[in-house]
Amino acid sequence: MGISGVIYKGLSGVTGPLIVVEDVKDVGYGELAEVVGPDGRTRRGMVLEVGERFAVVQVFQGTSGLSASETRVRFLGRPLQVRVSEEMLGRTFNGVGEPMDDGPQLLSGEVRDVHGSAINPASRDYPYDWVQTGISAIDGLNTLVRGQKLPLFSGGGLPHNRLAAQIVRQARISEEGGDFAVVFVGIGVKHDDARFFVESFERGGVAAQVAAFLNLADDPPEERIVTPRIALTLAEYLAFERDFHVLVVMLDMTNYCEALRERASSRGEVPSR
């Protein structure tokens, strides 16, 4: 993989998706790392905790097969970044922003930090324009206002997938003018559900205005934590740099929270729900 710079060989601990590297220098919180196991496969990770002489790294592809004595780690000196572009509309990506359709790799656009920039809430315009979803219970009773969030809670066996797909197909801004895009994020979805979403957008004739990020159920749970950040990085780029009106639809946040709890348990933190 062309490793250069300081390489740390050996781990002082492996717990779940986390590895501990000791005797590190000049490593920062949130820094990206490359982890190479005995089989030569390169995995990506991110620093979750750093001390004077150690760093805790979360490995996105999991720690299965890593050896405490033979694993090599290189810190890249930058946070997790993703390339964003208008060309991502009409495309389908996996949970870490890599194409999972038949399209090519992205070559144009900008490379951005997935952690984004802080926004002064006092500088925001007062939210009064609404987004039409075509769902009467939402539009009439709990209107989705641009610039705000609207959580939808569902119980077991209820058709939340169909509702989310219907919102994506029918959503539009209330006034004329301006480009409109939808960023769809599926977190821990099953393969048949992922196929349903893609086919639903195509049948509804809205696929060209949708960028879909699909973290599948058999993908490493660690990736579910970064999937929303990657998707929101694209949404912020389209909204702030390209003057799009953007609707972000995420499901299932329960899977995202389960991934956070798994990481907390690996770090020995107090369990919570």
Protein backbone atom coordinates (compact mmCIF):
# COMPACT_ATOMS: atom_id res chain seq x y z
CA MET A 1 0.00 0.00 0.00
CA GLY A 2 3.00 2.31 -0.11
CA ILE A 3 3.51 2.97 3.58
CA SER A 4 5.76 5.94 4.34
CA GLY A 5 6.63 7.86 7.48
CA VAL A 6 6.67 6.48 11.02
CA ILE A 7 5.28 2.95 11.32
CA TYR A 8 4.38 1.54 14.73
CA LYS A 9 4.68 -2.23 14.90
CA GLY A 10 2.84 -4.17 17.55
CA LEU A 11 -0.23 -3.48 19.66
CA SER A 12 -0.56 -3.39 23.42
CA GLY A 13 -4.19 -4.43 23.30
CA VAL A 14 -7.10 -5.46 21.05
CA THR A 15 -10.64 -5.13 22.41
CA GLY A 16 -13.59 -5.48 20.07
CA PRO A 17 -13.15 -2.91 17.27
CA LEU A 18 -10.46 -1.03 19.24
CA ILE A 19 -6.68 -1.33 19.24
CA VAL A 20 -4.19 0.36 21.56
CA VAL A 21 -0.85 1.60 20.23
CA GLU A 22 1.81 2.67 22.73
CA ASP A 23 4.87 4.94 22.54
CA VAL A 24 3.23 7.20 19.93
CA LYS A 25 4.21 10.80 19.28
CA ASP A 26 2.40 13.75 17.68
CA VAL A 27 -0.92 11.93 17.27
CA GLY A 28 -4.17 13.87 17.54
CA TYR A 29 -7.79 13.08 18.39
CA GLY A 30 -9.84 12.16 15.32
CA GLU A 31 -6.72 11.47 13.25
CA LEU A 32 -6.99 8.86 10.50
CA ALA A 33 -4.81 5.74 10.66
CA GLU A 34 -3.90 2.85 8.40
CA VAL A 35 -3.78 -0.56 10.06
CA VAL A 36 -2.04 -3.46 8.28
CA GLY A 37 -2.48 -6.97 9.66
CA PRO A 38 -0.33 -10.06 9.15
CA ASP A 39 -2.25 -10.84 5.93
CA GLY A 40 -1.17 -7.52 4.39
CA ARG A 41 -4.72 -6.17 4.17
CA THR A 42 -5.02 -2.46 4.87
CA ARG A 43 -7.82 -1.22 7.11
CA ARG A 44 -8.73 2.30 8.06
CA GLY A 45 -9.18 3.55 11.59
CA MET A 46 -9.69 6.71 13.59
CA VAL A 47 -8.14 7.86 16.86
CA LEU A 48 -10.75 7.93 19.65
CA GLU A 49 -8.47 8.68 22.59
CA VAL A 50 -4.89 9.85 22.90
CA GLY A 51 -2.61 10.18 25.90
CA GLU A 52 1.00 11.07 26.47
CA ARG A 53 2.27 7.66 25.39
CA PHE A 54 -0.66 5.82 23.80
CA ALA A 55 -3.49 6.10 21.29
CA VAL A 56 -6.77 4.18 21.06
CA VAL A 57 -7.83 3.55 17.44
CA GLN A 58 -11.20 2.37 16.22
CA VAL A 59 -10.76 0.10 13.18
CA PHE A 60 -13.61 0.52 10.70
CA GLN A 61 -13.30 -2.92 9.12
CA GLY A 62 -13.03 -4.68 12.47
CA THR A 63 -10.05 -6.27 14.23
CA SER A 64 -10.56 -9.89 13.20
CA GLY A 65 -7.24 -11.43 12.17
CA LEU A 66 -5.06 -8.71 13.69
CA SER A 67 -2.04 -9.91 15.63
CA ALA A 68 -0.76 -7.96 18.61
CA SER A 69 2.84 -8.58 17.59
CA GLU A 70 2.68 -8.33 13.79
CA THR A 71 0.16 -5.53 13.16
CA ARG A 72 1.55 -2.25 11.81
CA VAL A 73 -0.08 1.15 12.29
CA ARG A 74 0.62 4.41 10.51
CA PHE A 75 -1.04 7.69 11.51
CA LEU A 76 -1.83 9.91 8.52
CA GLY A 77 -1.79 13.31 10.20
CA ARG A 78 -5.27 14.27 8.97
CA PRO A 79 -8.89 13.57 9.90
CA LEU A 80 -11.27 11.38 7.95
CA GLN A 81 -12.03 13.08 4.63
CA VAL A 82 -14.36 12.39 1.72
CA ARG A 83 -14.57 13.71 -1.83
CA VAL A 84 -17.89 15.44 -2.52
CA SER A 85 -19.35 16.60 -5.82
CA GLU A 86 -22.63 17.26 -7.62
CA GLU A 87 -21.80 14.11 -9.58
CA MET A 88 -22.75 12.09 -6.49
CA LEU A 89 -26.42 12.79 -7.21
CA GLY A 90 -27.95 9.79 -8.91
CA ARG A 91 -25.31 7.48 -7.43
CA THR A 92 -25.28 4.85 -4.67
CA PHE A 93 -22.41 4.58 -2.18
CA ASN A 94 -21.53 2.30 0.70
CA GLY A 95 -21.21 3.42 4.31
CA VAL A 96 -17.74 4.91 3.84
CA GLY A 97 -18.53 6.82 0.66
CA GLU A 98 -17.21 4.31 -1.91
CA PRO A 99 -19.31 3.66 -5.05
CA MET A 100 -21.37 0.47 -4.86
CA ASP A 101 -23.16 0.93 -8.19
CA ASP A 102 -21.71 0.46 -11.67
CA GLY A 103 -20.45 4.04 -11.90
CA PRO A 104 -16.81 5.17 -11.84
CA GLN A 105 -14.82 6.53 -8.95
CA LEU A 106 -15.24 10.25 -8.30
CA LEU A 107 -12.45 12.36 -9.75
CA SER A 108 -13.86 15.88 -9.53
CA GLY A 109 -15.19 17.86 -6.58
CA GLU A 110 -13.68 18.82 -3.25
CA VAL A 111 -12.08 16.78 -0.48
CA ARG A 112 -13.66 17.73 2.86
CA ASP A 113 -13.31 16.88 6.54
CA VAL A 114 -16.30 14.79 7.62
CA HIS A 115 -16.43 16.58 10.97
CA GLY A 116 -17.56 19.77 9.22
CA SER A 117 -17.35 23.31 10.53
CA ALA A 118 -19.21 24.89 13.41
CA ILE A 119 -22.15 27.09 12.42
CA ASN A 120 -23.26 30.05 14.49
CA PRO A 121 -26.95 29.37 15.22
CA ALA A 122 -27.59 33.10 15.61
CA SER A 123 -26.66 33.66 11.96
CA ARG A 124 -29.29 31.26 10.62
CA ASP A 125 -32.33 32.56 8.80
CA TYR A 126 -35.58 32.11 10.69
CA PRO A 127 -37.11 28.81 9.47
CA TYR A 128 -40.50 29.35 7.90
CA ASP A 129 -40.41 27.65 4.48
CA TRP A 130 -41.73 24.09 4.51
CA VAL A 131 -40.87 20.91 2.64
CA GLN A 132 -43.81 19.10 1.11
CA THR A 133 -43.55 15.36 1.76
CA GLY A 134 -46.87 14.21 0.30
CA ILE A 135 -47.70 12.54 3.64
CA SER A 136 -50.87 14.22 4.95
CA ALA A 137 -50.12 13.41 8.61
CA ILE A 138 -46.77 15.22 8.28
CA ASP A 139 -47.73 18.10 6.00
CA GLY A 140 -50.95 18.87 7.87
CA LEU A 141 -50.17 18.07 11.49
CA ASN A 142 -46.39 18.09 11.97
CA THR A 143 -45.01 20.14 9.10
CA LEU A 144 -41.40 19.61 8.08
CA VAL A 145 -39.83 23.08 8.07
CA ARG A 146 -36.63 23.75 6.18
CA GLY A 147 -33.69 24.00 8.55
CA GLN A 148 -35.26 21.77 11.20
CA LYS A 149 -35.33 18.07 12.07
CA LEU A 150 -38.35 15.79 12.23
CA PRO A 151 -37.95 12.40 13.93
CA LEU A 152 -40.30 9.58 12.96
CA PHE A 153 -40.69 6.75 15.48
CA SER A 154 -41.79 3.30 14.41
CA GLY A 155 -42.53 0.01 16.14
CA GLY A 156 -41.67 -3.50 15.08
CA GLY A 157 -43.52 -4.67 11.97
CA LEU A 158 -44.57 -1.20 10.86
CA PRO A 159 -43.68 -0.14 7.28
CA HIS A 160 -41.11 2.53 8.13
CA ASN A 161 -39.02 1.60 5.08
CA ARG A 162 -41.94 2.23 2.74
CA LEU A 163 -42.69 5.53 4.47
CA ALA A 164 -39.08 6.72 4.10
CA ALA A 165 -39.01 5.73 0.43
CA GLN A 166 -42.33 7.50 -0.16
CA ILE A 167 -41.02 10.70 1.42
CA VAL A 168 -37.94 10.61 -0.82
CA ARG A 169 -40.08 10.07 -3.93
CA GLN A 170 -42.62 12.80 -3.13
CA ALA A 171 -40.59 15.48 -1.33
CA ARG A 172 -40.33 18.89 -2.93
CA ILE A 173 -39.86 22.47 -1.81
CA SER A 174 -42.94 24.60 -1.40
CA GLU A 175 -41.96 27.47 -3.68
CA GLU A 176 -40.76 27.55 -7.27
CA GLY A 177 -37.12 27.97 -8.13
CA GLY A 178 -33.90 26.50 -6.79
CA ASP A 179 -32.35 23.07 -7.23
CA PHE A 180 -33.58 20.34 -4.90
CA ALA A 181 -31.67 17.22 -3.83
CA VAL A 182 -32.17 14.37 -1.38
CA VAL A 183 -29.39 12.66 0.56
CA PHE A 184 -30.63 9.25 1.69
CA VAL A 185 -28.77 7.37 4.43
CA GLY A 186 -29.51 3.74 5.28
CA ILE A 187 -27.73 2.59 8.46
CA GLY A 188 -27.46 -1.15 9.04
CA VAL A 189 -30.13 -1.99 6.43
CA LYS A 190 -30.65 -5.49 5.08
CA HIS A 191 -29.72 -6.32 1.51
CA ASP A 192 -33.31 -6.69 0.34
CA ASP A 193 -34.22 -3.36 1.95
CA ALA A 194 -31.27 -1.67 0.22
CA ARG A 195 -32.41 -3.09 -3.12
CA PHE A 196 -35.97 -1.92 -2.40
CA PHE A 197 -34.81 1.65 -1.78
CA VAL A 198 -32.74 1.86 -4.96
CA GLU A 199 -35.50 0.36 -7.12
CA SER A 200 -38.13 2.57 -5.47
CA PHE A 201 -36.20 5.74 -6.30
CA GLU A 202 -35.74 4.57 -9.90
CA ARG A 203 -39.43 3.70 -10.35
CA GLY A 204 -40.45 7.03 -8.85
CA GLY A 205 -38.31 8.93 -11.36
CA VAL A 206 -36.30 10.71 -8.64
CA ALA A 207 -33.06 8.72 -8.75
CA ALA A 208 -31.23 11.53 -10.52
CA GLN A 209 -31.74 13.89 -7.57
CA VAL A 210 -30.90 11.35 -4.84
CA ALA A 211 -27.48 10.46 -3.43
CA ALA A 212 -27.83 7.22 -1.45
CA PHE A 213 -25.43 5.99 1.23
CA LEU A 214 -26.15 2.41 2.29
CA ASN A 215 -24.42 0.78 5.24
CA LEU A 216 -25.54 -2.84 5.02
CA ALA A 217 -26.40 -5.12 7.91
CA ASP A 218 -23.33 -7.31 7.33
CA ASP A 219 -20.94 -4.34 7.12
CA PRO A 220 -18.76 -3.71 10.18
CA PRO A 221 -20.78 -1.89 12.87
CA GLU A 222 -17.92 0.59 13.27
CA GLU A 223 -18.71 2.01 9.82
CA ARG A 224 -22.22 2.96 10.95
CA ILE A 225 -20.78 5.68 13.14
CA VAL A 226 -19.10 7.49 10.24
CA THR A 227 -21.81 6.92 7.60
CA PRO A 228 -24.04 9.82 8.76
CA ARG A 229 -21.04 12.16 8.92
CA ILE A 230 -20.03 11.33 5.35
CA ALA A 231 -23.58 11.84 4.08
CA LEU A 232 -23.98 15.13 5.94
CA THR A 233 -20.68 16.35 4.50
CA LEU A 234 -22.18 15.99 1.02
CA ALA A 235 -25.43 17.64 2.15
CA GLU A 236 -23.54 20.65 3.56
CA TYR A 237 -21.51 20.96 0.36
CA LEU A 238 -24.61 20.93 -1.84
CA ALA A 239 -26.44 23.41 0.41
CA PHE A 240 -23.69 25.90 1.23
CA GLU A 241 -21.48 25.72 -1.86
CA ARG A 242 -23.86 24.76 -4.69
CA ASP A 243 -27.04 26.53 -3.43
CA PHE A 244 -29.19 23.40 -3.40
CA HIS A 245 -32.21 22.89 -1.19
CA VAL A 246 -31.31 19.59 0.50
CA LEU A 247 -33.44 17.07 2.38
CA VAL A 248 -31.58 14.42 4.39
CA VAL A 249 -33.44 11.19 5.22
CA MET A 250 -31.78 8.79 7.68
CA LEU A 251 -32.82 5.38 8.94
CA ASP A 252 -32.42 3.33 11.08
CA MET A 253 -31.00 5.47 13.90
CA THR A 254 -31.43 2.52 16.28
CA ASN A 255 -28.61 0.72 14.46
CA TYR A 256 -26.45 3.84 14.77
CA CYS A 257 -27.07 3.97 18.53
CA GLU A 258 -26.30 0.25 18.87
CA ALA A 259 -22.93 0.85 17.19
CA LEU A 260 -22.21 3.66 19.66
CA ARG A 261 -23.11 1.39 22.57
CA GLU A 262 -20.87 -1.38 21.24
CA ARG A 263 -17.97 1.05 21.02
CA ALA A 264 -18.64 2.35 24.53
CA SER A 265 -18.69 -1.22 25.89
CA SER A 266 -15.35 -1.96 24.23
CA ARG A 267 -13.87 1.09 25.97
CA GLY A 268 -15.18 -0.08 29.34
CA GLU A 269 -17.58 2.82 29.74
CA VAL A 270 -20.78 2.63 31.76
CA PRO A 271 -23.46 0.86 29.69
CA SER A 272 -26.44 2.94 28.66
CA ARG A 273 -29.45 2.76 26.40
